[in-house]
Amino acid sequence: MLLRPIHYFLAVAEHRSFTRAAAALHVSQPALSQQIRQLEEMLEARLFDRTGRATRLTDAGHVYFKHARKALQDLEEGRRAIHDVGDLSRGSLRLAVTPTFASYLVGPLVERFHARHPNVSLILREMPQERIEALLADDEYDVGIGFEEVRSPEIASQRLLVETLALVVGSRHPLAGRRRMPLKALDTESLVLLTAEFATREQIDRYCRRHGLRPRVLMEANSLGAVIEIVRRTSLSTLLPATIAGDRDGLASIALAPSLLERTAVLMQRRGAYQTAAAREFVRLALEHGEGGGGRKRG
């Protein structure tokens, strides 16, 4: 019986407005206000400060918000558990991945998963790792693929594979025939890189600082596809997994020596969360895929 007022309470807290919450819920504002008043009467506590221009949670409201959101997450997990089918003749999987992995790692994994379980529906979204962690914690996704630098204490991770980033150039670039080059040569290169919101860029910047490298970053893009097209069509180079170059025409990868630019890919899930049969199977196939490749992809 409490589900409706709790949903209404969370909507007002998130929108910080009764008007906007009512519109989002497709209910009248008086009906929404009545439900909130009844909830406050039942709890014997005032949940919202309505005196300002924006509706704000009171101290009691802040406390209740955390428990209410967690309760709805648990109820949703219970609903999925009831409808979960162990033989995977049906089911669903919600998967979030960081952009670089979406371009070459996820395809083979989804291909294997779908071939074995064609009736399981899949929702796949590409986004920065910080958002993946937040949405996993909110039970919006079942599994995430990102990097080992997991920041949220609510997220548990398992090592998937270790890969090497290389200098990626277009086929007409003067260095396209090289197989290896010294690190210091990066100082003479003009690069196009992903923007700072991406974990890959953070790793590259940290690597360059550690080795005293100062390449010229002439362009930035918030799309991996854009970075690849720029490299293919210009004399600019970039730093990306060597696998990306190997899978695409018009690109070549050059290993950096002596210190390899390595990073670890991980599978992420909310700590202690219920795992559907589909999520368990995808994790199993992913770990098998990573270990099957030796757990390490070198360029």
C-alpha atoms as a PDB file:
ATOM      1  CA  MET A   1       0.000   0.000   0.000  1.00  0.00           C
ATOM      2  CA  LEU A   2       2.974   2.324   0.568  1.00  0.00           C
ATOM      3  CA  LEU A   3       4.430   1.966  -2.922  1.00  0.00           C
ATOM      4  CA  ARG A   4       2.502   4.847  -4.519  1.00  0.00           C
ATOM      5  CA  PRO A   5       3.289   7.500  -1.871  1.00  0.00           C
ATOM      6  CA  ILE A   6       6.927   6.374  -1.794  1.00  0.00           C
ATOM      7  CA  HIS A   7       7.160   6.729  -5.585  1.00  0.00           C
ATOM      8  CA  TYR A   8       5.575  10.166  -5.286  1.00  0.00           C
ATOM      9  CA  PHE A   9       7.923  11.153  -2.451  1.00  0.00           C
ATOM     10  CA  LEU A  10      11.015  10.149  -4.466  1.00  0.00           C
ATOM     11  CA  ALA A  11       9.751  12.023  -7.523  1.00  0.00           C
ATOM     12  CA  VAL A  12       9.263  15.276  -5.581  1.00  0.00           C
ATOM     13  CA  ALA A  13      12.691  14.874  -3.957  1.00  0.00           C
ATOM     14  CA  GLU A  14      14.393  14.326  -7.316  1.00  0.00           C
ATOM     15  CA  HIS A  15      12.543  17.108  -9.167  1.00  0.00           C
ATOM     16  CA  ARG A  16      12.591  19.498  -6.154  1.00  0.00           C
ATOM     17  CA  SER A  17       9.143  20.619  -7.232  1.00  0.00           C
ATOM     18  CA  PHE A  18       5.603  19.336  -6.745  1.00  0.00           C
ATOM     19  CA  THR A  19       4.626  20.752 -10.129  1.00  0.00           C
ATOM     20  CA  ARG A  20       7.426  19.069 -12.071  1.00  0.00           C
ATOM     21  CA  ALA A  21       6.993  15.806 -10.146  1.00  0.00           C
ATOM     22  CA  ALA A  22       3.265  15.745 -10.889  1.00  0.00           C
ATOM     23  CA  ALA A  23       3.957  16.302 -14.593  1.00  0.00           C
ATOM     24  CA  ALA A  24       6.551  13.517 -14.641  1.00  0.00           C
ATOM     25  CA  LEU A  25       4.175  11.133 -12.863  1.00  0.00           C
ATOM     26  CA  HIS A  26       1.179  12.162 -15.015  1.00  0.00           C
ATOM     27  CA  VAL A  27      -0.970  12.912 -11.957  1.00  0.00           C
ATOM     28  CA  SER A  28      -2.625  16.086 -10.728  1.00  0.00           C
ATOM     29  CA  GLN A  29      -0.705  18.223  -8.265  1.00  0.00           C
ATOM     30  CA  PRO A  30      -3.483  18.084  -5.619  1.00  0.00           C
ATOM     31  CA  ALA A  31      -3.458  14.266  -5.748  1.00  0.00           C
ATOM     32  CA  LEU A  32       0.317  14.254  -5.393  1.00  0.00           C
ATOM     33  CA  SER A  33       0.238  16.696  -2.479  1.00  0.00           C
ATOM     34  CA  GLN A  34      -2.414  14.629  -0.716  1.00  0.00           C
ATOM     35  CA  GLN A  35      -0.300  11.470  -0.970  1.00  0.00           C
ATOM     36  CA  ILE A  36       2.745  13.288   0.442  1.00  0.00           C
ATOM     37  CA  ARG A  37       0.690  14.718   3.339  1.00  0.00           C
ATOM     38  CA  GLN A  38      -0.639  11.261   4.168  1.00  0.00           C
ATOM     39  CA  LEU A  39       2.891   9.857   4.118  1.00  0.00           C
ATOM     40  CA  GLU A  40       4.090  12.631   6.445  1.00  0.00           C
ATOM     41  CA  GLU A  41       1.189  11.993   8.807  1.00  0.00           C
ATOM     42  CA  MET A  42       1.934   8.277   8.874  1.00  0.00           C
ATOM     43  CA  LEU A  43       5.642   8.893   9.555  1.00  0.00           C
ATOM     44  CA  GLU A  44       4.865  11.745  11.973  1.00  0.00           C
ATOM     45  CA  ALA A  45       7.582  13.811  10.316  1.00  0.00           C
ATOM     46  CA  ARG A  46       7.759  16.699   7.886  1.00  0.00           C
ATOM     47  CA  LEU A  47       9.600  15.497   4.769  1.00  0.00           C
ATOM     48  CA  PHE A  48       9.742  18.683   2.666  1.00  0.00           C
ATOM     49  CA  ASP A  49      10.473  22.340   3.251  1.00  0.00           C
ATOM     50  CA  ARG A  50       7.908  24.103   1.059  1.00  0.00           C
ATOM     51  CA  THR A  51       8.710  27.682   2.114  1.00  0.00           C
ATOM     52  CA  GLY A  52      11.316  28.535  -0.521  1.00  0.00           C
ATOM     53  CA  ARG A  53      11.155  28.817  -4.306  1.00  0.00           C
ATOM     54  CA  ALA A  54      12.397  25.211  -4.578  1.00  0.00           C
ATOM     55  CA  THR A  55      11.018  22.304  -2.598  1.00  0.00           C
ATOM     56  CA  ARG A  56      13.760  20.880  -0.401  1.00  0.00           C
ATOM     57  CA  LEU A  57      14.074  17.813   1.774  1.00  0.00           C
ATOM     58  CA  THR A  58      14.107  18.371   5.508  1.00  0.00           C
ATOM     59  CA  ASP A  59      16.621  16.528   7.678  1.00  0.00           C
ATOM     60  CA  ALA A  60      14.004  13.810   8.212  1.00  0.00           C
ATOM     61  CA  GLY A  61      13.327  13.793   4.478  1.00  0.00           C
ATOM     62  CA  HIS A  62      17.015  13.204   3.681  1.00  0.00           C
ATOM     63  CA  VAL A  63      17.104  10.219   6.025  1.00  0.00           C
ATOM     64  CA  TYR A  64      13.891   8.752   4.639  1.00  0.00           C
ATOM     65  CA  PHE A  65      14.987   9.302   1.023  1.00  0.00           C
ATOM     66  CA  LYS A  66      17.940   6.916   1.356  1.00  0.00           C
ATOM     67  CA  HIS A  67      15.842   4.167   2.903  1.00  0.00           C
ATOM     68  CA  ALA A  68      12.910   4.641   0.518  1.00  0.00           C
ATOM     69  CA  ARG A  69      15.105   4.429  -2.574  1.00  0.00           C
ATOM     70  CA  LYS A  70      16.857   1.320  -1.228  1.00  0.00           C
ATOM     71  CA  ALA A  71      13.498  -0.288  -0.417  1.00  0.00           C
ATOM     72  CA  LEU A  72      12.220   0.202  -3.961  1.00  0.00           C
ATOM     73  CA  GLN A  73      15.462  -1.232  -5.352  1.00  0.00           C
ATOM     74  CA  ASP A  74      15.032  -4.320  -3.185  1.00  0.00           C
ATOM     75  CA  LEU A  75      11.407  -4.728  -4.267  1.00  0.00           C
ATOM     76  CA  GLU A  76      12.389  -4.443  -7.929  1.00  0.00           C
ATOM     77  CA  GLU A  77      15.101  -7.063  -7.406  1.00  0.00           C
ATOM     78  CA  GLY A  78      12.471  -9.292  -5.837  1.00  0.00           C
ATOM     79  CA  ARG A  79      10.179  -8.858  -8.833  1.00  0.00           C
ATOM     80  CA  ARG A  80      13.009  -9.781 -11.219  1.00  0.00           C
ATOM     81  CA  ALA A  81      13.963 -12.760  -9.072  1.00  0.00           C
ATOM     82  CA  ILE A  82      10.420 -14.137  -9.285  1.00  0.00           C
ATOM     83  CA  HIS A  83      10.374 -13.841 -13.076  1.00  0.00           C
ATOM     84  CA  ASP A  84      13.973 -14.938 -13.569  1.00  0.00           C
ATOM     85  CA  VAL A  85      14.233 -18.104 -15.658  1.00  0.00           C
ATOM     86  CA  GLY A  86      17.219 -20.297 -14.849  1.00  0.00           C
ATOM     87  CA  ASP A  87      17.346 -22.018 -18.236  1.00  0.00           C
ATOM     88  CA  LEU A  88      17.543 -18.622 -20.025  1.00  0.00           C
ATOM     89  CA  SER A  89      14.688 -19.473 -22.390  1.00  0.00           C
ATOM     90  CA  ARG A  90      13.751 -15.851 -21.726  1.00  0.00           C
ATOM     91  CA  GLY A  91      14.979 -13.006 -19.550  1.00  0.00           C
ATOM     92  CA  SER A  92      16.733  -9.680 -19.887  1.00  0.00           C
ATOM     93  CA  LEU A  93      20.166  -8.142 -19.418  1.00  0.00           C
ATOM     94  CA  ARG A  94      21.043  -4.473 -18.922  1.00  0.00           C
ATOM     95  CA  LEU A  95      24.656  -3.776 -19.891  1.00  0.00           C
ATOM     96  CA  ALA A  96      26.633  -0.510 -19.681  1.00  0.00           C
ATOM     97  CA  VAL A  97      30.128  -0.110 -21.157  1.00  0.00           C
ATOM     98  CA  THR A  98      32.779   2.571 -21.494  1.00  0.00           C
ATOM     99  CA  PRO A  99      33.219   3.855 -25.079  1.00  0.00           C
ATOM    100  CA  THR A 100      36.508   2.208 -26.076  1.00  0.00           C
ATOM    101  CA  PHE A 101      35.281  -1.233 -25.037  1.00  0.00           C
ATOM    102  CA  ALA A 102      32.052  -0.743 -26.968  1.00  0.00           C
ATOM    103  CA  SER A 103      34.038  -0.489 -30.182  1.00  0.00           C
ATOM    104  CA  TYR A 104      35.750  -3.886 -30.138  1.00  0.00           C
ATOM    105  CA  LEU A 105      35.228  -5.961 -26.973  1.00  0.00           C
ATOM    106  CA  VAL A 106      31.458  -5.915 -26.559  1.00  0.00           C
ATOM    107  CA  GLY A 107      30.663  -7.074 -30.097  1.00  0.00           C
ATOM    108  CA  PRO A 108      32.226 -10.544 -29.734  1.00  0.00           C
ATOM    109  CA  LEU A 109      30.767 -10.948 -26.230  1.00  0.00           C
ATOM    110  CA  VAL A 110      27.241 -10.054 -27.326  1.00  0.00           C
ATOM    111  CA  GLU A 111      27.603 -12.302 -30.380  1.00  0.00           C
ATOM    112  CA  ARG A 112      28.461 -15.316 -28.190  1.00  0.00           C
ATOM    113  CA  PHE A 113      25.754 -14.511 -25.650  1.00  0.00           C
ATOM    114  CA  HIS A 114      23.022 -14.025 -28.255  1.00  0.00           C
ATOM    115  CA  ALA A 115      24.007 -17.171 -30.161  1.00  0.00           C
ATOM    116  CA  ARG A 116      23.513 -19.237 -27.000  1.00  0.00           C
ATOM    117  CA  HIS A 117      20.478 -17.398 -25.611  1.00  0.00           C
ATOM    118  CA  PRO A 118      18.599 -15.784 -28.532  1.00  0.00           C
ATOM    119  CA  ASN A 119      15.416 -15.093 -26.529  1.00  0.00           C
ATOM    120  CA  VAL A 120      17.086 -13.009 -23.830  1.00  0.00           C
ATOM    121  CA  SER A 121      16.545  -9.297 -24.459  1.00  0.00           C
ATOM    122  CA  LEU A 122      19.539  -6.985 -24.123  1.00  0.00           C
ATOM    123  CA  ILE A 123      19.753  -3.279 -23.394  1.00  0.00           C
ATOM    124  CA  LEU A 124      23.234  -1.910 -24.145  1.00  0.00           C
ATOM    125  CA  ARG A 125      24.361   1.646 -23.367  1.00  0.00           C
ATOM    126  CA  GLU A 126      27.713   3.358 -23.817  1.00  0.00           C
ATOM    127  CA  MET A 127      28.709   5.967 -21.214  1.00  0.00           C
ATOM    128  CA  PRO A 128      31.608   7.248 -19.063  1.00  0.00           C
ATOM    129  CA  GLN A 129      32.634   5.032 -16.155  1.00  0.00           C
ATOM    130  CA  GLU A 130      31.525   7.439 -13.436  1.00  0.00           C
ATOM    131  CA  ARG A 131      27.962   7.261 -14.765  1.00  0.00           C
ATOM    132  CA  ILE A 132      28.138   3.470 -15.114  1.00  0.00           C
ATOM    133  CA  GLU A 133      29.038   3.157 -11.433  1.00  0.00           C
ATOM    134  CA  ALA A 134      26.217   5.496 -10.399  1.00  0.00           C
ATOM    135  CA  LEU A 135      23.597   3.648 -12.460  1.00  0.00           C
ATOM    136  CA  LEU A 136      24.784   0.239 -11.273  1.00  0.00           C
ATOM    137  CA  ALA A 137      24.466   1.490  -7.694  1.00  0.00           C
ATOM    138  CA  ASP A 138      20.923   2.669  -8.479  1.00  0.00           C
ATOM    139  CA  ASP A 139      20.061  -0.753  -9.958  1.00  0.00           C
ATOM    140  CA  GLU A 140      19.504   0.749 -13.410  1.00  0.00           C
ATOM    141  CA  TYR A 141      21.938  -1.787 -14.976  1.00  0.00           C
ATOM    142  CA  ASP A 142      23.000  -5.347 -14.198  1.00  0.00           C
ATOM    143  CA  VAL A 143      26.598  -5.400 -15.463  1.00  0.00           C
ATOM    144  CA  GLY A 144      29.149  -2.778 -16.452  1.00  0.00           C
ATOM    145  CA  ILE A 145      32.454  -3.044 -18.311  1.00  0.00           C
ATOM    146  CA  GLY A 146      35.050  -0.429 -17.441  1.00  0.00           C
ATOM    147  CA  PHE A 147      38.449   0.040 -15.876  1.00  0.00           C
ATOM    148  CA  GLU A 148      39.941  -1.168 -12.613  1.00  0.00           C
ATOM    149  CA  GLU A 149      39.938   2.334 -11.086  1.00  0.00           C
ATOM    150  CA  VAL A 150      36.500   1.751  -9.554  1.00  0.00           C
ATOM    151  CA  ARG A 151      35.677   4.606  -7.189  1.00  0.00           C
ATOM    152  CA  SER A 152      32.289   3.756  -5.717  1.00  0.00           C
ATOM    153  CA  PRO A 153      32.383   1.517  -2.610  1.00  0.00           C
ATOM    154  CA  GLU A 154      29.000   0.146  -3.729  1.00  0.00           C
ATOM    155  CA  ILE A 155      30.539  -1.470  -6.826  1.00  0.00           C
ATOM    156  CA  ALA A 156      32.351  -4.815  -6.897  1.00  0.00           C
ATOM    157  CA  SER A 157      34.659  -5.637  -9.816  1.00  0.00           C
ATOM    158  CA  GLN A 158      36.314  -8.667 -11.401  1.00  0.00           C
ATOM    159  CA  ARG A 159      39.363  -8.524 -13.666  1.00  0.00           C
ATOM    160  CA  LEU A 160      38.459  -9.236 -17.273  1.00  0.00           C
ATOM    161  CA  LEU A 161      41.654  -8.647 -19.238  1.00  0.00           C
ATOM    162  CA  VAL A 162      44.785  -6.505 -19.483  1.00  0.00           C
ATOM    163  CA  GLU A 163      45.322  -4.677 -22.752  1.00  0.00           C
ATOM    164  CA  THR A 164      48.000  -2.437 -24.231  1.00  0.00           C
ATOM    165  CA  LEU A 165      47.407   0.969 -25.759  1.00  0.00           C
ATOM    166  CA  ALA A 166      49.472   1.834 -28.812  1.00  0.00           C
ATOM    167  CA  LEU A 167      50.069   4.806 -31.056  1.00  0.00           C
ATOM    168  CA  VAL A 168      47.370   4.525 -33.715  1.00  0.00           C
ATOM    169  CA  VAL A 169      47.944   6.279 -37.057  1.00  0.00           C
ATOM    170  CA  GLY A 170      46.338   6.396 -40.472  1.00  0.00           C
ATOM    171  CA  SER A 171      47.674   4.161 -43.232  1.00  0.00           C
ATOM    172  CA  ARG A 172      49.189   7.206 -45.002  1.00  0.00           C
ATOM    173  CA  HIS A 173      50.970   8.481 -41.897  1.00  0.00           C
ATOM    174  CA  PRO A 174      54.822   8.531 -42.176  1.00  0.00           C
ATOM    175  CA  LEU A 175      55.050   6.116 -39.232  1.00  0.00           C
ATOM    176  CA  ALA A 176      52.464   3.657 -40.562  1.00  0.00           C
ATOM    177  CA  GLY A 177      55.086   1.049 -41.448  1.00  0.00           C
ATOM    178  CA  ARG A 178      56.738   1.050 -38.033  1.00  0.00           C
ATOM    179  CA  ARG A 179      56.079  -1.765 -35.583  1.00  0.00           C
ATOM    180  CA  ARG A 180      57.638  -0.119 -32.529  1.00  0.00           C
ATOM    181  CA  MET A 181      58.875   3.320 -31.495  1.00  0.00           C
ATOM    182  CA  PRO A 182      60.501   4.825 -28.390  1.00  0.00           C
ATOM    183  CA  LEU A 183      58.333   6.696 -25.899  1.00  0.00           C
ATOM    184  CA  LYS A 184      60.171   9.977 -26.442  1.00  0.00           C
ATOM    185  CA  ALA A 185      59.021  10.017 -30.057  1.00  0.00           C
ATOM    186  CA  LEU A 186      55.568  10.927 -28.717  1.00  0.00           C
ATOM    187  CA  ASP A 187      56.893  14.415 -28.012  1.00  0.00           C
ATOM    188  CA  THR A 188      57.121  15.023 -31.752  1.00  0.00           C
ATOM    189  CA  GLU A 189      53.628  13.729 -32.475  1.00  0.00           C
ATOM    190  CA  SER A 190      50.445  15.765 -32.883  1.00  0.00           C
ATOM    191  CA  LEU A 191      47.522  13.909 -31.328  1.00  0.00           C
ATOM    192  CA  VAL A 192      43.756  13.797 -31.343  1.00  0.00           C
ATOM    193  CA  LEU A 193      42.447  12.390 -28.046  1.00  0.00           C
ATOM    194  CA  LEU A 194      39.184  11.707 -26.301  1.00  0.00           C
ATOM    195  CA  THR A 195      38.071  14.510 -23.980  1.00  0.00           C
ATOM    196  CA  ALA A 196      38.845  14.532 -20.262  1.00  0.00           C
ATOM    197  CA  GLU A 197      35.458  13.046 -19.316  1.00  0.00           C
ATOM    198  CA  PHE A 198      36.659   9.628 -20.522  1.00  0.00           C
ATOM    199  CA  ALA A 199      38.689   7.265 -18.362  1.00  0.00           C
ATOM    200  CA  THR A 200      40.936   6.474 -21.348  1.00  0.00           C
ATOM    201  CA  ARG A 201      42.034  10.116 -21.513  1.00  0.00           C
ATOM    202  CA  GLU A 202      42.723  10.189 -17.782  1.00  0.00           C
ATOM    203  CA  GLN A 203      44.926   7.100 -18.171  1.00  0.00           C
ATOM    204  CA  ILE A 204      46.819   8.644 -21.100  1.00  0.00           C
ATOM    205  CA  ASP A 205      47.430  11.924 -19.271  1.00  0.00           C
ATOM    206  CA  ARG A 206      48.664  10.045 -16.182  1.00  0.00           C
ATOM    207  CA  TYR A 207      50.978   7.909 -18.334  1.00  0.00           C
ATOM    208  CA  CYS A 208      52.464  10.970 -20.066  1.00  0.00           C
ATOM    209  CA  ARG A 209      53.072  12.747 -16.748  1.00  0.00           C
ATOM    210  CA  ARG A 210      54.735   9.671 -15.276  1.00  0.00           C
ATOM    211  CA  HIS A 211      57.171   9.418 -18.205  1.00  0.00           C
ATOM    212  CA  GLY A 212      57.721  13.140 -18.725  1.00  0.00           C
ATOM    213  CA  LEU A 213      56.063  13.141 -22.141  1.00  0.00           C
ATOM    214  CA  ARG A 214      54.550  16.267 -23.690  1.00  0.00           C
ATOM    215  CA  PRO A 215      52.825  15.395 -26.970  1.00  0.00           C
ATOM    216  CA  ARG A 216      50.883  18.132 -28.750  1.00  0.00           C
ATOM    217  CA  VAL A 217      47.153  17.578 -28.368  1.00  0.00           C
ATOM    218  CA  LEU A 218      45.744  19.512 -31.321  1.00  0.00           C
ATOM    219  CA  MET A 219      42.232  18.089 -31.270  1.00  0.00           C
ATOM    220  CA  GLU A 220      39.830  16.547 -28.755  1.00  0.00           C
ATOM    221  CA  ALA A 221      36.562  14.722 -29.393  1.00  0.00           C
ATOM    222  CA  ASN A 222      33.937  13.181 -27.145  1.00  0.00           C
ATOM    223  CA  SER A 223      33.309  10.345 -29.585  1.00  0.00           C
ATOM    224  CA  LEU A 224      35.616   7.425 -30.282  1.00  0.00           C
ATOM    225  CA  GLY A 225      34.239   7.184 -33.801  1.00  0.00           C
ATOM    226  CA  ALA A 226      35.188  10.823 -34.428  1.00  0.00           C
ATOM    227  CA  VAL A 227      38.736  10.240 -33.124  1.00  0.00           C
ATOM    228  CA  ILE A 228      39.170   7.247 -35.436  1.00  0.00           C
ATOM    229  CA  GLU A 229      37.866   9.141 -38.485  1.00  0.00           C
ATOM    230  CA  ILE A 230      40.165  12.091 -37.772  1.00  0.00           C
ATOM    231  CA  VAL A 231      43.171   9.761 -37.530  1.00  0.00           C
ATOM    232  CA  ARG A 232      42.160   7.989 -40.726  1.00  0.00           C
ATOM    233  CA  ARG A 233      41.782  11.250 -42.678  1.00  0.00           C
ATOM    234  CA  THR A 234      44.580  13.437 -41.258  1.00  0.00           C
ATOM    235  CA  SER A 235      48.224  13.251 -40.206  1.00  0.00           C
ATOM    236  CA  LEU A 236      47.217  13.258 -36.533  1.00  0.00           C
ATOM    237  CA  SER A 237      47.758  10.161 -34.386  1.00  0.00           C
ATOM    238  CA  THR A 238      46.096   8.924 -31.204  1.00  0.00           C
ATOM    239  CA  LEU A 239      46.558   6.500 -28.321  1.00  0.00           C
ATOM    240  CA  LEU A 240      44.056   3.652 -28.290  1.00  0.00           C
ATOM    241  CA  PRO A 241      44.005  -0.139 -27.846  1.00  0.00           C
ATOM    242  CA  ALA A 242      45.952  -1.793 -30.666  1.00  0.00           C
ATOM    243  CA  THR A 243      42.961  -4.092 -31.232  1.00  0.00           C
ATOM    244  CA  ILE A 244      40.964  -1.146 -32.581  1.00  0.00           C
ATOM    245  CA  ALA A 245      43.500  -0.552 -35.355  1.00  0.00           C
ATOM    246  CA  GLY A 246      43.619  -4.233 -36.203  1.00  0.00           C
ATOM    247  CA  ASP A 247      39.868  -4.375 -36.695  1.00  0.00           C
ATOM    248  CA  ARG A 248      39.629  -1.387 -39.046  1.00  0.00           C
ATOM    249  CA  ASP A 249      40.895  -0.595 -42.530  1.00  0.00           C
ATOM    250  CA  GLY A 250      43.026   2.496 -42.953  1.00  0.00           C
ATOM    251  CA  LEU A 251      44.638   2.318 -39.492  1.00  0.00           C
ATOM    252  CA  ALA A 252      47.924   1.012 -38.159  1.00  0.00           C
ATOM    253  CA  SER A 253      49.179   0.552 -34.594  1.00  0.00           C
ATOM    254  CA  ILE A 254      52.709   1.114 -33.322  1.00  0.00           C
ATOM    255  CA  ALA A 255      53.877  -0.329 -30.005  1.00  0.00           C
ATOM    256  CA  LEU A 256      55.517   2.054 -27.530  1.00  0.00           C
ATOM    257  CA  ALA A 257      58.711   0.941 -25.777  1.00  0.00           C
ATOM    258  CA  PRO A 258      60.182   0.364 -23.301  1.00  0.00           C
ATOM    259  CA  SER A 259      57.284   1.147 -20.913  1.00  0.00           C
ATOM    260  CA  LEU A 260      54.007  -0.224 -22.206  1.00  0.00           C
ATOM    261  CA  LEU A 261      50.818   1.749 -21.655  1.00  0.00           C
ATOM    262  CA  GLU A 262      48.661  -0.981 -20.112  1.00  0.00           C
ATOM    263  CA  ARG A 263      45.243  -0.903 -18.493  1.00  0.00           C
ATOM    264  CA  THR A 264      42.986  -3.488 -16.897  1.00  0.00           C
ATOM    265  CA  ALA A 265      39.397  -4.012 -17.977  1.00  0.00           C
ATOM    266  CA  VAL A 266      36.940  -5.147 -15.299  1.00  0.00           C
ATOM    267  CA  LEU A 267      33.383  -6.360 -14.993  1.00  0.00           C
ATOM    268  CA  MET A 268      31.366  -4.296 -12.511  1.00  0.00           C
ATOM    269  CA  GLN A 269      28.213  -5.071 -10.531  1.00  0.00           C
ATOM    270  CA  ARG A 270      26.492  -3.572  -7.524  1.00  0.00           C
ATOM    271  CA  ARG A 271      27.965  -5.122  -4.405  1.00  0.00           C
ATOM    272  CA  GLY A 272      25.593  -7.683  -2.925  1.00  0.00           C
ATOM    273  CA  ALA A 273      22.959  -7.208  -5.648  1.00  0.00           C
ATOM    274  CA  TYR A 274      20.719 -10.001  -6.871  1.00  0.00           C
ATOM    275  CA  GLN A 275      22.089 -11.397 -10.141  1.00  0.00           C
ATOM    276  CA  THR A 276      19.659 -12.619 -12.751  1.00  0.00           C
ATOM    277  CA  ALA A 277      20.452 -15.815 -14.638  1.00  0.00           C
ATOM    278  CA  ALA A 278      21.192 -13.678 -17.702  1.00  0.00           C
ATOM    279  CA  ALA A 279      23.664 -11.517 -15.777  1.00  0.00           C
ATOM    280  CA  ARG A 280      25.406 -14.551 -14.302  1.00  0.00           C
ATOM    281  CA  GLU A 281      25.716 -16.153 -17.725  1.00  0.00           C
ATOM    282  CA  PHE A 282      27.042 -12.997 -19.361  1.00  0.00           C
ATOM    283  CA  VAL A 283      29.664 -12.591 -16.624  1.00  0.00           C
ATOM    284  CA  ARG A 284      30.694 -16.225 -17.059  1.00  0.00           C
ATOM    285  CA  LEU A 285      31.063 -15.853 -20.843  1.00  0.00           C
ATOM    286  CA  ALA A 286      32.931 -12.561 -20.468  1.00  0.00           C
ATOM    287  CA  LEU A 287      35.443 -14.014 -18.008  1.00  0.00           C
ATOM    288  CA  GLU A 288      35.855 -17.040 -20.257  1.00  0.00           C
ATOM    289  CA  HIS A 289      36.481 -14.695 -23.198  1.00  0.00           C
ATOM    290  CA  GLY A 290      39.076 -12.708 -21.266  1.00  0.00           C
ATOM    291  CA  GLU A 291      40.850 -15.768 -19.938  1.00  0.00           C
ATOM    292  CA  GLY A 292      40.546 -17.446 -23.323  1.00  0.00           C
ATOM    293  CA  GLY A 293      42.638 -14.630 -24.762  1.00  0.00           C
ATOM    294  CA  GLY A 294      45.202 -15.183 -22.042  1.00  0.00           C
ATOM    295  CA  GLY A 295      43.690 -12.342 -20.060  1.00  0.00           C
ATOM    296  CA  ARG A 296      46.005 -10.008 -21.922  1.00  0.00           C
ATOM    297  CA  LYS A 297      45.750  -8.218 -25.245  1.00  0.00           C
ATOM    298  CA  ARG A 298      49.015  -6.800 -26.489  1.00  0.00           C
ATOM    299  CA  GLY A 299      49.683  -4.502 -29.404  1.00  0.00           C
END
